[in-house]
Protein backbone atom coordinates (compact mmCIF):
# COMPACT_ATOMS: atom_id res chain seq x y z
CA MET A 1 21.80 6.53 -3.90
CA THR A 2 25.27 7.81 -4.61
CA GLY A 3 25.22 8.82 -8.26
CA THR A 4 25.25 5.28 -9.65
CA SER A 5 22.85 4.68 -12.51
CA LYS A 6 20.74 1.73 -11.46
CA ALA A 7 17.79 0.24 -13.24
CA ARG A 8 14.45 1.61 -12.06
CA VAL A 9 10.89 0.31 -12.31
CA ARG A 10 7.55 2.13 -12.09
CA VAL A 11 5.05 0.45 -9.78
CA THR A 12 1.36 1.40 -9.77
CA LEU A 13 -1.14 0.21 -7.18
CA GLU A 14 -4.09 -1.00 -9.26
CA LYS A 15 -6.22 -2.61 -6.54
CA SER A 16 -6.86 -1.85 -2.88
CA VAL A 17 -5.00 -3.62 -0.08
CA ALA A 18 -8.23 -3.88 1.95
CA GLY A 19 -8.82 -7.49 2.94
CA GLN A 20 -5.28 -8.59 2.10
CA LEU A 21 -2.87 -10.29 4.48
CA GLN A 22 -0.95 -7.93 6.71
CA SER A 23 2.35 -8.97 5.10
CA ILE A 24 1.07 -8.09 1.62
CA ALA A 25 -0.17 -4.70 2.80
CA ALA A 26 3.23 -4.10 4.44
CA SER A 27 4.99 -4.91 1.17
CA VAL A 28 2.84 -2.39 -0.69
CA ARG A 29 3.55 0.28 1.92
CA GLY A 30 7.24 -0.62 1.81
CA LEU A 31 7.26 0.21 -1.89
CA GLY A 32 5.93 3.66 -1.01
CA LEU A 33 2.40 3.13 -2.28
CA ARG A 34 -0.36 4.64 -0.16
CA ARG A 35 -3.50 4.78 -2.34
CA ARG A 36 -4.96 3.22 -5.49
CA HIS A 37 -3.63 4.46 -8.84
CA GLN A 38 -0.56 5.98 -7.19
CA THR A 39 2.67 5.40 -9.10
CA VAL A 40 6.18 5.35 -7.63
CA THR A 41 9.58 4.75 -9.19
CA VAL A 42 11.82 2.41 -7.23
CA ALA A 43 15.23 0.85 -7.77
CA ASP A 44 15.19 -2.56 -9.43
CA THR A 45 16.72 -4.48 -6.53
CA ALA A 46 16.12 -7.96 -5.22
CA GLU A 47 14.40 -6.53 -2.13
CA ASN A 48 11.97 -4.44 -4.15
CA ARG A 49 11.33 -7.31 -6.58
CA GLY A 50 10.40 -9.50 -3.61
CA MET A 51 7.88 -6.92 -2.37
CA ILE A 52 6.48 -6.58 -5.90
CA ARG A 53 6.18 -10.37 -6.17
CA ALA A 54 4.28 -10.54 -2.87
CA ALA A 55 1.72 -8.05 -4.17
CA ARG A 56 1.81 -8.97 -7.86
CA HIS A 57 -1.99 -9.34 -7.98
CA LEU A 58 -2.41 -5.74 -6.81
CA VAL A 59 0.26 -3.83 -8.73
CA LYS A 60 1.31 -3.08 -12.30
CA VAL A 61 5.05 -2.90 -13.07
CA GLU A 62 6.72 -1.07 -15.98
CA ASN A 63 10.30 -0.27 -16.86
CA ALA A 64 11.21 3.31 -16.03
C-alpha cells in the first residue's frame, strides 16, 4: 500500500478448513490464515470481502 489510509478488517479463523471444499480452503489461505484462532488484518476490498464471504462459516470478522 502506498500511504493511503484504507479501511481494514480483522479476520480470525474460528474453525478448521479440514473437510471443506478446496476453493474455500484456498480463500482462507488467500486471506493469510494458516491455523485456527489466528488473526490477520487485511484491507477492506471487494476481493477480500469475497474470500471472507466464501468462508463466512469458518471465520469471524471485526472492524480494525
